[in-house]
C-alpha cells in the first residue's frame, strides 16, 4: 500500500521517526524532524510540526530528559477515582479516610 501512495509512505516515515525519537529520548533530532515535516507538504503533519515549534524548548526538554510524572499522575488518578465513587454519598471526612486507608 505504501508503494502506491507516496504521501502515505512519507507520513509513515515521519511518524515512525518521531516515535523513535520519543522512545529513545533523542530530542536533539527534533529540529531536523520539524524541518522534514514542514517540507513534506502534508497538512496534518505540518500543523503538528508548527505546534511543536511554537513551544520548542519545552518539547525538546520533554524529549531529552528521562524524568516523568507517571507515579504522581497515577496517585492523582487513584484519588479522583475514589472521589467519583463517593460522589453525593458522603462528605470530605469520609473521602479523607478512604484516601488515607487506601494507601
PDB file of N, CA and C in Angstrom:
ATOM      1  N   UNK A   1       0.809  -1.178   0.000  1.00  0.00           N
ATOM      2  CA  UNK A   1       0.000   0.000   0.000  1.00  0.00           C
ATOM      3  C   UNK A   1       0.867   1.261   0.000  1.00  0.00           C
ATOM      4  N   UNK A   2       1.976   1.217   0.732  1.00  0.00           N
ATOM      5  CA  UNK A   2       2.868   2.367   0.773  1.00  0.00           C
ATOM      6  C   UNK A   2       3.516   2.632  -0.585  1.00  0.00           C
ATOM      7  N   UNK A   3       3.693   1.580  -1.378  1.00  0.00           N
ATOM      8  CA  UNK A   3       4.291   1.755  -2.696  1.00  0.00           C
ATOM      9  C   UNK A   3       3.375   2.527  -3.635  1.00  0.00           C
ATOM     10  N   UNK A   4       2.085   2.445  -3.423  1.00  0.00           N
ATOM     11  CA  UNK A   4       1.124   3.083  -4.323  1.00  0.00           C
ATOM     12  C   UNK A   4       0.735   4.489  -3.892  1.00  0.00           C
ATOM     13  N   UNK A   5       1.084   4.878  -2.694  1.00  0.00           N
ATOM     14  CA  UNK A   5       0.693   6.199  -2.192  1.00  0.00           C
ATOM     15  C   UNK A   5       1.913   6.872  -1.544  1.00  0.00           C
ATOM     16  N   UNK A   6       2.587   7.747  -2.278  1.00  0.00           N
ATOM     17  CA  UNK A   6       3.794   8.371  -1.733  1.00  0.00           C
ATOM     18  C   UNK A   6       3.528   9.235  -0.493  1.00  0.00           C
ATOM     19  N   UNK A   7       2.333   9.855  -0.402  1.00  0.00           N
ATOM     20  CA  UNK A   7       2.017  10.663   0.774  1.00  0.00           C
ATOM     21  C   UNK A   7       1.913   9.792   2.028  1.00  0.00           C
ATOM     22  N   UNK A   8       1.323   8.617   1.856  1.00  0.00           N
ATOM     23  CA  UNK A   8       1.197   7.699   2.986  1.00  0.00           C
ATOM     24  C   UNK A   8       2.561   7.170   3.414  1.00  0.00           C
ATOM     25  N   UNK A   9       3.427   6.929   2.458  1.00  0.00           N
ATOM     26  CA  UNK A   9       4.775   6.462   2.779  1.00  0.00           C
ATOM     27  C   UNK A   9       5.548   7.542   3.541  1.00  0.00           C
ATOM     28  N   UNK A  10       5.418   8.789   3.111  1.00  0.00           N
ATOM     29  CA  UNK A  10       6.080   9.894   3.807  1.00  0.00           C
ATOM     30  C   UNK A  10       5.532  10.048   5.217  1.00  0.00           C
ATOM     31  N   UNK A  11       4.215   9.937   5.351  1.00  0.00           N
ATOM     32  CA  UNK A  11       3.588  10.032   6.668  1.00  0.00           C
ATOM     33  C   UNK A  11       4.083   8.928   7.585  1.00  0.00           C
ATOM     34  N   UNK A  12       4.127   7.718   7.088  1.00  0.00           N
ATOM     35  CA  UNK A  12       4.591   6.587   7.897  1.00  0.00           C
ATOM     36  C   UNK A  12       6.037   6.775   8.330  1.00  0.00           C
ATOM     37  N   UNK A  13       6.853   7.279   7.433  1.00  0.00           N
ATOM     38  CA  UNK A  13       8.263   7.508   7.759  1.00  0.00           C
ATOM     39  C   UNK A  13       8.409   8.576   8.836  1.00  0.00           C
ATOM     40  N   UNK A  14       7.652   9.675   8.702  1.00  0.00           N
ATOM     41  CA  UNK A  14       7.733  10.748   9.691  1.00  0.00           C
ATOM     42  C   UNK A  14       7.197  10.303  11.052  1.00  0.00           C
ATOM     43  N   UNK A  15       6.110   9.564  11.051  1.00  0.00           N
ATOM     44  CA  UNK A  15       5.537   9.095  12.310  1.00  0.00           C
ATOM     45  C   UNK A  15       6.472   8.119  13.005  1.00  0.00           C
ATOM     46  N   UNK A  16       7.060   7.212  12.254  1.00  0.00           N
ATOM     47  CA  UNK A  16       7.971   6.240  12.875  1.00  0.00           C
ATOM     48  C   UNK A  16       9.241   6.905  13.391  1.00  0.00           C
ATOM     49  N   UNK A  17       9.747   7.908  12.679  1.00  0.00           N
ATOM     50  CA  UNK A  17      10.943   8.593  13.172  1.00  0.00           C
ATOM     51  C   UNK A  17      10.627   9.419  14.423  1.00  0.00           C
ATOM     52  N   UNK A  18       9.413  10.001  14.493  1.00  0.00           N
ATOM     53  CA  UNK A  18       9.032  10.727  15.700  1.00  0.00           C
ATOM     54  C   UNK A  18       8.841   9.763  16.870  1.00  0.00           C
ATOM     55  N   UNK A  19       8.245   8.613  16.607  1.00  0.00           N
ATOM     56  CA  UNK A  19       8.061   7.609  17.656  1.00  0.00           C
ATOM     57  C   UNK A  19       9.412   7.121  18.179  1.00  0.00           C
ATOM     58  N   UNK A  20      10.367   6.951  17.291  1.00  0.00           N
ATOM     59  CA  UNK A  20      11.703   6.543  17.716  1.00  0.00           C
ATOM     60  C   UNK A  20      12.346   7.626  18.579  1.00  0.00           C
ATOM     61  N   UNK A  21      12.136   8.894  18.194  1.00  0.00           N
ATOM     62  CA  UNK A  21      12.648   9.997  18.992  1.00  0.00           C
ATOM     63  C   UNK A  21      12.036   9.990  20.392  1.00  0.00           C
ATOM     64  N   UNK A  22      10.752   9.669  20.477  1.00  0.00           N
ATOM     65  CA  UNK A  22      10.072   9.607  21.779  1.00  0.00           C
ATOM     66  C   UNK A  22      10.617   8.477  22.641  1.00  0.00           C
ATOM     67  N   UNK A  23      10.782   7.319  22.070  1.00  0.00           N
ATOM     68  CA  UNK A  23      11.167   6.154  22.866  1.00  0.00           C
ATOM     69  C   UNK A  23      12.644   6.143  23.238  1.00  0.00           C
ATOM     70  N   UNK A  24      13.484   6.747  22.411  1.00  0.00           N
ATOM     71  CA  UNK A  24      14.921   6.743  22.700  1.00  0.00           C
ATOM     72  C   UNK A  24      15.399   8.037  23.335  1.00  0.00           C
ATOM     73  N   UNK A  25      14.477   8.992  23.542  1.00  0.00           N
ATOM     74  CA  UNK A  25      14.794  10.283  24.157  1.00  0.00           C
ATOM     75  C   UNK A  25      15.916  11.014  23.425  1.00  0.00           C
ATOM     76  N   UNK A  26      15.770  11.117  22.117  1.00  0.00           N
ATOM     77  CA  UNK A  26      16.749  11.845  21.296  1.00  0.00           C
ATOM     78  C   UNK A  26      16.113  13.140  20.787  1.00  0.00           C
ATOM     79  N   UNK A  27      15.864  14.054  21.692  1.00  0.00           N
ATOM     80  CA  UNK A  27      15.237  15.319  21.348  1.00  0.00           C
ATOM     81  C   UNK A  27      16.122  16.246  20.564  1.00  0.00           C
ATOM     82  N   UNK A  28      17.408  15.945  20.503  1.00  0.00           N
ATOM     83  CA  UNK A  28      18.317  16.780  19.725  1.00  0.00           C
ATOM     84  C   UNK A  28      18.039  16.668  18.229  1.00  0.00           C
ATOM     85  N   UNK A  29      17.339  15.623  17.823  1.00  0.00           N
ATOM     86  CA  UNK A  29      16.985  15.445  16.415  1.00  0.00           C
ATOM     87  C   UNK A  29      15.696  16.179  16.038  1.00  0.00           C
ATOM     88  N   UNK A  30      15.069  16.837  17.001  1.00  0.00           N
ATOM     89  CA  UNK A  30      13.789  17.497  16.761  1.00  0.00           C
ATOM     90  C   UNK A  30      13.844  18.587  15.692  1.00  0.00           C
ATOM     91  N   UNK A  31      14.861  19.464  15.652  1.00  0.00           N
ATOM     92  CA  UNK A  31      14.866  20.484  14.595  1.00  0.00           C
ATOM     93  C   UNK A  31      14.855  19.891  13.190  1.00  0.00           C
ATOM     94  N   UNK A  32      15.621  18.832  12.986  1.00  0.00           N
ATOM     95  CA  UNK A  32      15.630  18.181  11.670  1.00  0.00           C
ATOM     96  C   UNK A  32      14.274  17.576  11.352  1.00  0.00           C
ATOM     97  N   UNK A  33      13.644  16.968  12.361  1.00  0.00           N
ATOM     98  CA  UNK A  33      12.335  16.358  12.131  1.00  0.00           C
ATOM     99  C   UNK A  33      11.293  17.413  11.803  1.00  0.00           C
ATOM    100  N   UNK A  34      11.314  18.543  12.499  1.00  0.00           N
ATOM    101  CA  UNK A  34      10.355  19.623  12.232  1.00  0.00           C
ATOM    102  C   UNK A  34      10.545  20.151  10.816  1.00  0.00           C
ATOM    103  N   UNK A  35      11.788  20.318  10.394  1.00  0.00           N
ATOM    104  CA  UNK A  35      12.049  20.771   9.020  1.00  0.00           C
ATOM    105  C   UNK A  35      11.536  19.765   8.004  1.00  0.00           C
ATOM    106  N   UNK A  36      11.794  18.484   8.236  1.00  0.00           N
ATOM    107  CA  UNK A  36      11.310  17.447   7.316  1.00  0.00           C
ATOM    108  C   UNK A  36       9.787  17.412   7.274  1.00  0.00           C
ATOM    109  N   UNK A  37       9.164  17.592   8.429  1.00  0.00           N
ATOM    110  CA  UNK A  37       7.705  17.534   8.493  1.00  0.00           C
ATOM    111  C   UNK A  37       7.065  18.717   7.786  1.00  0.00           C
ATOM    112  N   UNK A  38       7.635  19.895   7.942  1.00  0.00           N
ATOM    113  CA  UNK A  38       7.052  21.053   7.260  1.00  0.00           C
ATOM    114  C   UNK A  38       7.332  21.018   5.764  1.00  0.00           C
ATOM    115  N   UNK A  39       8.442  20.436   5.359  1.00  0.00           N
ATOM    116  CA  UNK A  39       8.766  20.325   3.930  1.00  0.00           C
ATOM    117  C   UNK A  39       7.955  19.246   3.232  1.00  0.00           C
ATOM    118  N   UNK A  40       7.327  18.356   3.984  1.00  0.00           N
ATOM    119  CA  UNK A  40       6.592  17.235   3.394  1.00  0.00           C
ATOM    120  C   UNK A  40       5.290  17.663   2.737  1.00  0.00           C
ATOM    121  N   UNK A  41       4.799  18.855   3.029  1.00  0.00           N
ATOM    122  CA  UNK A  41       3.541  19.362   2.467  1.00  0.00           C
ATOM    123  C   UNK A  41       2.346  18.457   2.758  1.00  0.00           C
ATOM    124  N   UNK A  42       2.328  17.891   3.950  1.00  0.00           N
ATOM    125  CA  UNK A  42       1.184  17.114   4.428  1.00  0.00           C
ATOM    126  C   UNK A  42       0.500  17.958   5.499  1.00  0.00           C
ATOM    127  N   UNK A  43      -0.742  18.371   5.268  1.00  0.00           N
ATOM    128  CA  UNK A  43      -1.376  19.355   6.164  1.00  0.00           C
ATOM    129  C   UNK A  43      -1.367  18.980   7.647  1.00  0.00           C
ATOM    130  N   UNK A  44      -1.738  17.764   7.990  1.00  0.00           N
ATOM    131  CA  UNK A  44      -1.827  17.409   9.405  1.00  0.00           C
ATOM    132  C   UNK A  44      -0.447  17.292  10.045  1.00  0.00           C
ATOM    133  N   UNK A  45       0.509  16.729   9.344  1.00  0.00           N
ATOM    134  CA  UNK A  45       1.869  16.605   9.881  1.00  0.00           C
ATOM    135  C   UNK A  45       2.507  17.985   9.994  1.00  0.00           C
ATOM    136  N   UNK A  46       2.304  18.827   8.996  1.00  0.00           N
ATOM    137  CA  UNK A  46       2.857  20.180   9.035  1.00  0.00           C
ATOM    138  C   UNK A  46       2.262  20.986  10.183  1.00  0.00           C
ATOM    139  N   UNK A  47       0.971  20.841  10.407  1.00  0.00           N
ATOM    140  CA  UNK A  47       0.315  21.537  11.508  1.00  0.00           C
ATOM    141  C   UNK A  47       0.872  21.066  12.853  1.00  0.00           C
ATOM    142  N   UNK A  48       1.099  19.781  12.990  1.00  0.00           N
ATOM    143  CA  UNK A  48       1.689  19.228  14.213  1.00  0.00           C
ATOM    144  C   UNK A  48       3.097  19.787  14.422  1.00  0.00           C
ATOM    145  N   UNK A  49       3.876  19.866  13.351  1.00  0.00           N
ATOM    146  CA  UNK A  49       5.243  20.378  13.450  1.00  0.00           C
ATOM    147  C   UNK A  49       5.256  21.848  13.837  1.00  0.00           C
ATOM    148  N   UNK A  50       4.327  22.624  13.292  1.00  0.00           N
ATOM    149  CA  UNK A  50       4.238  24.037  13.663  1.00  0.00           C
ATOM    150  C   UNK A  50       3.864  24.169  15.135  1.00  0.00           C
ATOM    151  N   UNK A  51       2.967  23.310  15.605  1.00  0.00           N
ATOM    152  CA  UNK A  51       2.601  23.315  17.015  1.00  0.00           C
ATOM    153  C   UNK A  51       3.768  22.979  17.915  1.00  0.00           C
ATOM    154  N   UNK A  52       4.602  22.030  17.495  1.00  0.00           N
ATOM    155  CA  UNK A  52       5.801  21.697  18.263  1.00  0.00           C
ATOM    156  C   UNK A  52       6.767  22.864  18.287  1.00  0.00           C
ATOM    157  N   UNK A  53       6.876  23.538  17.165  1.00  0.00           N
ATOM    158  CA  UNK A  53       7.823  24.651  17.057  1.00  0.00           C
ATOM    159  C   UNK A  53       7.397  25.838  17.920  1.00  0.00           C
ATOM    160  N   UNK A  54       6.088  25.965  18.194  1.00  0.00           N
ATOM    161  CA  UNK A  54       5.615  27.098  18.993  1.00  0.00           C
ATOM    162  C   UNK A  54       6.087  27.018  20.445  1.00  0.00           C
ATOM    163  N   UNK A  55       6.329  25.821  20.966  1.00  0.00           N
ATOM    164  CA  UNK A  55       6.851  25.648  22.324  1.00  0.00           C
ATOM    165  C   UNK A  55       8.074  24.729  22.271  1.00  0.00           C
ATOM    166  N   UNK A  56       9.023  25.129  21.462  1.00  0.00           N
ATOM    167  CA  UNK A  56      10.146  24.275  21.106  1.00  0.00           C
ATOM    168  C   UNK A  56      11.001  23.860  22.304  1.00  0.00           C
ATOM    169  N   UNK A  57      11.282  24.783  23.216  1.00  0.00           N
ATOM    170  CA  UNK A  57      12.147  24.458  24.358  1.00  0.00           C
ATOM    171  C   UNK A  57      11.523  23.394  25.257  1.00  0.00           C
ATOM    172  N   UNK A  58      10.224  23.514  25.512  1.00  0.00           N
ATOM    173  CA  UNK A  58       9.543  22.535  26.369  1.00  0.00           C
ATOM    174  C   UNK A  58       9.487  21.169  25.701  1.00  0.00           C
ATOM    175  N   UNK A  59       9.238  21.139  24.396  1.00  0.00           N
ATOM    176  CA  UNK A  59       9.172  19.860  23.684  1.00  0.00           C
ATOM    177  C   UNK A  59      10.542  19.202  23.666  1.00  0.00           C
ATOM    178  N   UNK A  60      11.584  19.977  23.429  1.00  0.00           N
ATOM    179  CA  UNK A  60      12.941  19.430  23.437  1.00  0.00           C
ATOM    180  C   UNK A  60      13.302  18.881  24.809  1.00  0.00           C
ATOM    181  N   UNK A  61      12.942  19.599  25.857  1.00  0.00           N
ATOM    182  CA  UNK A  61      13.210  19.113  27.214  1.00  0.00           C
ATOM    183  C   UNK A  61      12.452  17.820  27.487  1.00  0.00           C
ATOM    184  N   UNK A  62      11.218  17.739  27.023  1.00  0.00           N
ATOM    185  CA  UNK A  62      10.436  16.523  27.225  1.00  0.00           C
ATOM    186  C   UNK A  62      10.982  15.339  26.459  1.00  0.00           C
ATOM    187  N   UNK A  63      11.624  15.605  25.331  1.00  0.00           N
ATOM    188  CA  UNK A  63      12.174  14.514  24.521  1.00  0.00           C
ATOM    189  C   UNK A  63      13.604  14.144  24.894  1.00  0.00           C
ATOM    190  N   UNK A  64      14.229  14.880  25.797  1.00  0.00           N
ATOM    191  CA  UNK A  64      15.614  14.564  26.150  1.00  0.00           C
ATOM    192  C   UNK A  64      15.792  14.103  27.587  1.00  0.00           C
ATOM    193  N   UNK A  65      14.881  14.457  28.493  1.00  0.00           N
ATOM    194  CA  UNK A  65      15.049  14.045  29.888  1.00  0.00           C
ATOM    195  C   UNK A  65      14.317  12.736  30.142  1.00  0.00           C
ATOM    196  N   UNK A  66      14.855  11.940  31.034  1.00  0.00           N
ATOM    197  CA  UNK A  66      14.228  10.657  31.341  1.00  0.00           C
ATOM    198  C   UNK A  66      13.270  10.753  32.529  1.00  0.00           C
ATOM    199  N   UNK A  67      13.080  11.950  33.067  1.00  0.00           N
ATOM    200  CA  UNK A  67      12.160  12.146  34.183  1.00  0.00           C
ATOM    201  C   UNK A  67      10.736  12.186  33.654  1.00  0.00           C
ATOM    202  N   UNK A  68       9.824  11.578  34.391  1.00  0.00           N
ATOM    203  CA  UNK A  68       8.410  11.679  34.020  1.00  0.00           C
ATOM    204  C   UNK A  68       7.559  11.761  35.268  1.00  0.00           C
ATOM    205  N   UNK A  69       6.333  12.181  35.104  1.00  0.00           N
ATOM    206  CA  UNK A  69       5.430  12.367  36.232  1.00  0.00           C
ATOM    207  C   UNK A  69       4.423  11.227  36.346  1.00  0.00           C
ATOM    208  N   UNK A  70       4.770  10.062  35.828  1.00  0.00           N
ATOM    209  CA  UNK A  70       3.875   8.914  35.852  1.00  0.00           C
ATOM    210  C   UNK A  70       3.395   8.517  37.237  1.00  0.00           C
ATOM    211  N   UNK A  71       4.293   8.362  38.230  1.00  0.00           N
ATOM    212  CA  UNK A  71       3.831   7.987  39.566  1.00  0.00           C
ATOM    213  C   UNK A  71       2.894   9.016  40.188  1.00  0.00           C
ATOM    214  N   UNK A  72       3.177  10.295  39.986  1.00  0.00           N
ATOM    215  CA  UNK A  72       2.314  11.337  40.532  1.00  0.00           C
ATOM    216  C   UNK A  72       0.951  11.293  39.860  1.00  0.00           C
ATOM    217  N   UNK A  73       0.935  11.155  38.544  1.00  0.00           N
ATOM    218  CA  UNK A  73      -0.327  11.089  37.809  1.00  0.00           C
ATOM    219  C   UNK A  73      -1.146   9.869  38.231  1.00  0.00           C
ATOM    220  N   UNK A  74      -0.461   8.764  38.527  1.00  0.00           N
ATOM    221  CA  UNK A  74      -1.166   7.575  38.994  1.00  0.00           C
ATOM    222  C   UNK A  74      -1.845   7.801  40.331  1.00  0.00           C
ATOM    223  N   UNK A  75      -1.150   8.494  41.240  1.00  0.00           N
ATOM    224  CA  UNK A  75      -1.738   8.783  42.545  1.00  0.00           C
ATOM    225  C   UNK A  75      -2.929   9.731  42.408  1.00  0.00           C
ATOM    226  N   UNK A  76      -2.801  10.738  41.566  1.00  0.00           N
ATOM    227  CA  UNK A  76      -3.900  11.679  41.346  1.00  0.00           C
ATOM    228  C   UNK A  76      -5.094  10.959  40.726  1.00  0.00           C
ATOM    229  N   UNK A  77      -4.838  10.083  39.775  1.00  0.00           N
ATOM    230  CA  UNK A  77      -5.908   9.329  39.128  1.00  0.00           C
ATOM    231  C   UNK A  77      -6.639   8.440  40.137  1.00  0.00           C
ATOM    232  N   UNK A  78      -5.887   7.827  41.056  1.00  0.00           N
ATOM    233  CA  UNK A  78      -6.495   6.968  42.077  1.00  0.00           C
ATOM    234  C   UNK A  78      -7.400   7.776  43.000  1.00  0.00           C
ATOM    235  N   UNK A  79      -6.938   8.960  43.411  1.00  0.00           N
ATOM    236  CA  UNK A  79      -7.744   9.802  44.294  1.00  0.00           C
ATOM    237  C   UNK A  79      -9.001  10.285  43.582  1.00  0.00           C
ATOM    238  N   UNK A  80      -8.871  10.648  42.307  1.00  0.00           N
ATOM    239  CA  UNK A  80     -10.048  11.090  41.555  1.00  0.00           C
ATOM    240  C   UNK A  80     -11.057   9.957  41.396  1.00  0.00           C
ATOM    241  N   UNK A  81     -10.557   8.726  41.225  1.00  0.00           N
ATOM    242  CA  UNK A  81     -11.456   7.594  41.114  1.00  0.00           C
ATOM    243  C   UNK A  81     -12.234   7.392  42.407  1.00  0.00           C
ATOM    244  N   UNK A  82     -11.535   7.483  43.560  1.00  0.00           N
ATOM    245  CA  UNK A  82     -12.213   7.366  44.849  1.00  0.00           C
ATOM    246  C   UNK A  82     -13.262   8.469  45.022  1.00  0.00           C
ATOM    247  N   UNK A  83     -12.924   9.674  44.606  1.00  0.00           N
ATOM    248  CA  UNK A  83     -13.861  10.790  44.713  1.00  0.00           C
ATOM    249  C   UNK A  83     -15.096  10.556  43.846  1.00  0.00           C
ATOM    250  N   UNK A  84     -14.893  10.053  42.623  1.00  0.00           N
ATOM    251  CA  UNK A  84     -16.033   9.769  41.739  1.00  0.00           C
ATOM    252  C   UNK A  84     -16.919   8.675  42.313  1.00  0.00           C
ATOM    253  N   UNK A  85     -16.316   7.663  42.923  1.00  0.00           N
ATOM    254  CA  UNK A  85     -17.095   6.572  43.506  1.00  0.00           C
ATOM    255  C   UNK A  85     -17.972   7.066  44.649  1.00  0.00           C
ATOM    256  N   UNK A  86     -17.521   8.085  45.360  1.00  0.00           N
ATOM    257  CA  UNK A  86     -18.248   8.558  46.533  1.00  0.00           C
ATOM    258  C   UNK A  86     -19.103   9.780  46.235  1.00  0.00           C
ATOM    259  N   UNK A  87     -19.212  10.197  45.004  1.00  0.00           N
ATOM    260  CA  UNK A  87     -19.915  11.434  44.679  1.00  0.00           C
ATOM    261  C   UNK A  87     -21.345  11.418  45.202  1.00  0.00           C
ATOM    262  N   UNK A  88     -21.688  12.422  46.000  1.00  0.00           N
ATOM    263  CA  UNK A  88     -23.040  12.566  46.529  1.00  0.00           C
ATOM    264  C   UNK A  88     -23.362  11.659  47.692  1.00  0.00           C
ATOM    265  N   UNK A  89     -22.435  10.851  48.161  1.00  0.00           N
ATOM    266  CA  UNK A  89     -22.732   9.889  49.225  1.00  0.00           C
ATOM    267  C   UNK A  89     -22.227  10.332  50.590  1.00  0.00           C
ATOM    268  N   UNK A  90     -21.101  11.058  50.599  1.00  0.00           N
ATOM    269  CA  UNK A  90     -20.526  11.412  51.892  1.00  0.00           C
ATOM    270  C   UNK A  90     -19.733  12.699  51.749  1.00  0.00           C
ATOM    271  N   UNK A  91     -19.275  13.196  52.856  1.00  0.00           N
ATOM    272  CA  UNK A  91     -18.530  14.446  52.863  1.00  0.00           C
ATOM    273  C   UNK A  91     -17.034  14.233  52.774  1.00  0.00           C
ATOM    274  N   UNK A  92     -16.330  15.316  53.010  1.00  0.00           N
ATOM    275  CA  UNK A  92     -14.880  15.316  52.893  1.00  0.00           C
ATOM    276  C   UNK A  92     -14.220  14.399  53.920  1.00  0.00           C
ATOM    277  N   UNK A  93     -14.775  14.300  55.106  1.00  0.00           N
ATOM    278  CA  UNK A  93     -14.170  13.469  56.155  1.00  0.00           C
ATOM    279  C   UNK A  93     -14.043  12.013  55.743  1.00  0.00           C
ATOM    280  N   UNK A  94     -15.117  11.463  55.170  1.00  0.00           N
ATOM    281  CA  UNK A  94     -15.067  10.073  54.736  1.00  0.00           C
ATOM    282  C   UNK A  94     -14.132   9.898  53.544  1.00  0.00           C
ATOM    283  N   UNK A  95     -14.127  10.852  52.616  1.00  0.00           N
ATOM    284  CA  UNK A  95     -13.202  10.787  51.480  1.00  0.00           C
ATOM    285  C   UNK A  95     -11.767  10.794  51.970  1.00  0.00           C
ATOM    286  N   UNK A  96     -11.474  11.629  52.962  1.00  0.00           N
ATOM    287  CA  UNK A  96     -10.106  11.689  53.516  1.00  0.00           C
ATOM    288  C   UNK A  96      -9.722  10.349  54.111  1.00  0.00           C
ATOM    289  N   UNK A  97     -10.611   9.736  54.862  1.00  0.00           N
ATOM    290  CA  UNK A  97     -10.314   8.430  55.459  1.00  0.00           C
ATOM    291  C   UNK A  97     -10.096   7.368  54.394  1.00  0.00           C
ATOM    292  N   UNK A  98     -10.908   7.363  53.337  1.00  0.00           N
ATOM    293  CA  UNK A  98     -10.719   6.377  52.267  1.00  0.00           C
ATOM    294  C   UNK A  98      -9.393   6.547  51.558  1.00  0.00           C
ATOM    295  N   UNK A  99      -9.001   7.803  51.310  1.00  0.00           N
ATOM    296  CA  UNK A  99      -7.728   8.064  50.634  1.00  0.00           C
ATOM    297  C   UNK A  99      -6.575   7.605  51.507  1.00  0.00           C
ATOM    298  N   UNK A 100      -6.624   7.929  52.788  1.00  0.00           N
ATOM    299  CA  UNK A 100      -5.519   7.566  53.679  1.00  0.00           C
ATOM    300  C   UNK A 100      -5.466   6.057  53.923  1.00  0.00           C
ATOM    301  N   UNK A 101      -6.611   5.397  54.011  1.00  0.00           N
ATOM    302  CA  UNK A 101      -6.622   3.959  54.255  1.00  0.00           C
ATOM    303  C   UNK A 101      -6.298   3.152  52.994  1.00  0.00           C
ATOM    304  N   UNK A 102      -6.499   3.725  51.828  1.00  0.00           N
ATOM    305  CA  UNK A 102      -6.263   3.007  50.580  1.00  0.00           C
ATOM    306  C   UNK A 102      -4.775   2.888  50.259  1.00  0.00           C
ATOM    307  N   UNK A 103      -3.934   3.683  50.910  1.00  0.00           N
ATOM    308  CA  UNK A 103      -2.502   3.643  50.596  1.00  0.00           C
ATOM    309  C   UNK A 103      -1.779   2.574  51.335  1.00  0.00           C
TER     310      UNK A 103
END
